[in-house]
Amino acid sequence: MAVQKVRITHTGANNVGELYLADVGRRNSLGGGASIYEYGQDIYLHPPTTDINPVTGVPYLNYVDLVATSQVLLSIDRGIIYTYSNGDFAGTLTVVFL
């Protein structure tokens, strides 16, 4: 059985720069400190660009494929992804179920 995935794409609309998906993939089991609950697993989306990432040597990606976990679905419904796809900055992100 295939795992349901979601492709989140940064369109570059609304003059929004790099986005950090803070509510996706929280590391709740690490340490239990209050601040650990506020940060995701370093998932960044960049506007479409040809700039090269100096660390990896490849262009920055403007999309990410995520497993449709409860955290991802919650973000699509009312979190960061919602804000930039349907909320105040609608059109900045697109959401496609793969």
Protein backbone atom coordinates (compact mmCIF):
# COMPACT_ATOMS: atom_id res chain seq x y z
CA MET A 1 0.00 0.00 0.00
CA ALA A 2 1.39 3.39 -1.01
CA VAL A 3 2.01 6.11 1.54
CA GLN A 4 -0.01 9.29 0.93
CA LYS A 5 2.27 12.25 0.27
CA VAL A 6 1.74 15.96 -0.19
CA ARG A 7 3.81 18.31 -2.37
CA ILE A 8 4.09 21.82 -0.97
CA THR A 9 5.41 24.31 -3.55
CA HIS A 10 6.54 27.91 -2.97
CA THR A 11 5.25 29.93 -5.94
CA GLY A 12 7.11 33.15 -5.18
CA ALA A 13 3.82 35.08 -5.09
CA ASN A 14 3.14 37.94 -2.67
CA ASN A 15 6.85 38.81 -2.45
CA VAL A 16 7.29 36.28 0.36
CA GLY A 17 10.84 35.02 0.80
CA GLU A 18 12.06 31.84 2.42
CA LEU A 19 9.46 30.06 4.58
CA TYR A 20 10.19 27.86 7.58
CA LEU A 21 7.49 25.23 8.19
CA ALA A 22 7.67 25.50 11.98
CA ASP A 23 4.60 23.38 12.68
CA VAL A 24 5.58 20.40 10.51
CA GLY A 25 7.58 17.51 11.96
CA ARG A 26 7.92 18.76 15.51
CA ARG A 27 10.50 16.88 17.52
CA ASN A 28 8.42 16.40 20.67
CA SER A 29 10.54 13.59 22.06
CA LEU A 30 13.83 15.49 22.23
CA GLY A 31 14.55 16.81 25.69
CA GLY A 32 11.06 18.02 26.56
CA GLY A 33 12.15 21.66 26.78
CA ALA A 34 9.46 24.23 26.01
CA SER A 35 11.23 25.65 22.98
CA ILE A 36 11.69 22.24 21.34
CA TYR A 37 7.93 22.15 20.68
CA GLU A 38 8.05 25.32 18.62
CA TYR A 39 10.46 24.17 15.93
CA GLY A 40 10.10 21.69 13.09
CA GLN A 41 12.77 19.61 11.41
CA ASP A 42 14.42 22.45 9.50
CA ILE A 43 12.06 22.36 6.54
CA TYR A 44 12.59 25.52 4.49
CA LEU A 45 10.92 26.47 1.22
CA HIS A 46 12.49 29.04 -1.05
CA PRO A 47 10.87 31.11 -3.79
CA PRO A 48 11.75 29.86 -7.30
CA THR A 49 15.42 30.69 -7.89
CA THR A 50 18.54 29.54 -9.67
CA ASP A 51 20.75 30.40 -6.67
CA ILE A 52 23.04 27.59 -5.53
CA ASN A 53 23.06 26.40 -1.93
CA PRO A 54 26.71 26.79 -0.84
CA VAL A 55 26.46 23.82 1.53
CA THR A 56 25.01 21.24 -0.87
CA GLY A 57 26.12 22.75 -4.18
CA VAL A 58 22.64 22.32 -5.72
CA PRO A 59 19.93 24.94 -6.38
CA TYR A 60 17.56 25.75 -3.55
CA LEU A 61 14.31 23.80 -3.87
CA ASN A 62 10.98 25.57 -4.01
CA TYR A 63 9.04 22.41 -3.14
CA VAL A 64 9.06 19.59 -0.63
CA ASP A 65 7.26 16.22 -0.63
CA LEU A 66 5.98 15.31 2.82
CA VAL A 67 4.23 12.24 4.17
CA ALA A 68 0.64 13.25 4.99
CA THR A 69 1.03 12.88 8.76
CA SER A 70 -1.40 14.43 11.22
CA GLN A 71 0.98 17.38 11.72
CA VAL A 72 1.17 18.06 7.99
CA LEU A 73 -2.61 17.79 7.59
CA LEU A 74 -3.17 20.08 10.57
CA SER A 75 -0.79 22.64 9.07
CA ILE A 76 -2.71 22.46 5.77
CA ASP A 77 -6.00 22.87 7.63
CA ARG A 78 -5.09 25.74 9.96
CA GLY A 79 -1.34 26.25 10.34
CA ILE A 80 1.59 27.73 8.43
CA ILE A 81 0.72 25.97 5.17
CA TYR A 82 -2.89 27.20 5.41
CA THR A 83 -1.78 30.79 6.04
CA TYR A 84 0.32 30.84 2.89
CA SER A 85 -1.98 28.78 0.65
CA ASN A 86 -5.49 29.95 1.59
CA GLY A 87 -5.15 32.50 4.38
CA ASP A 88 -3.64 35.98 4.57
CA PHE A 89 -0.95 35.23 1.97
CA ALA A 90 -3.04 32.99 -0.31
CA GLY A 91 -1.22 31.77 -3.40
CA THR A 92 2.27 31.78 -1.91
CA LEU A 93 2.13 28.00 -1.42
CA THR A 94 0.32 25.36 -3.42
CA VAL A 95 -0.73 22.01 -1.96
CA VAL A 96 -1.07 18.89 -4.13
CA PHE A 97 -1.76 15.39 -2.81
CA LEU A 98 0.40 12.87 -4.68
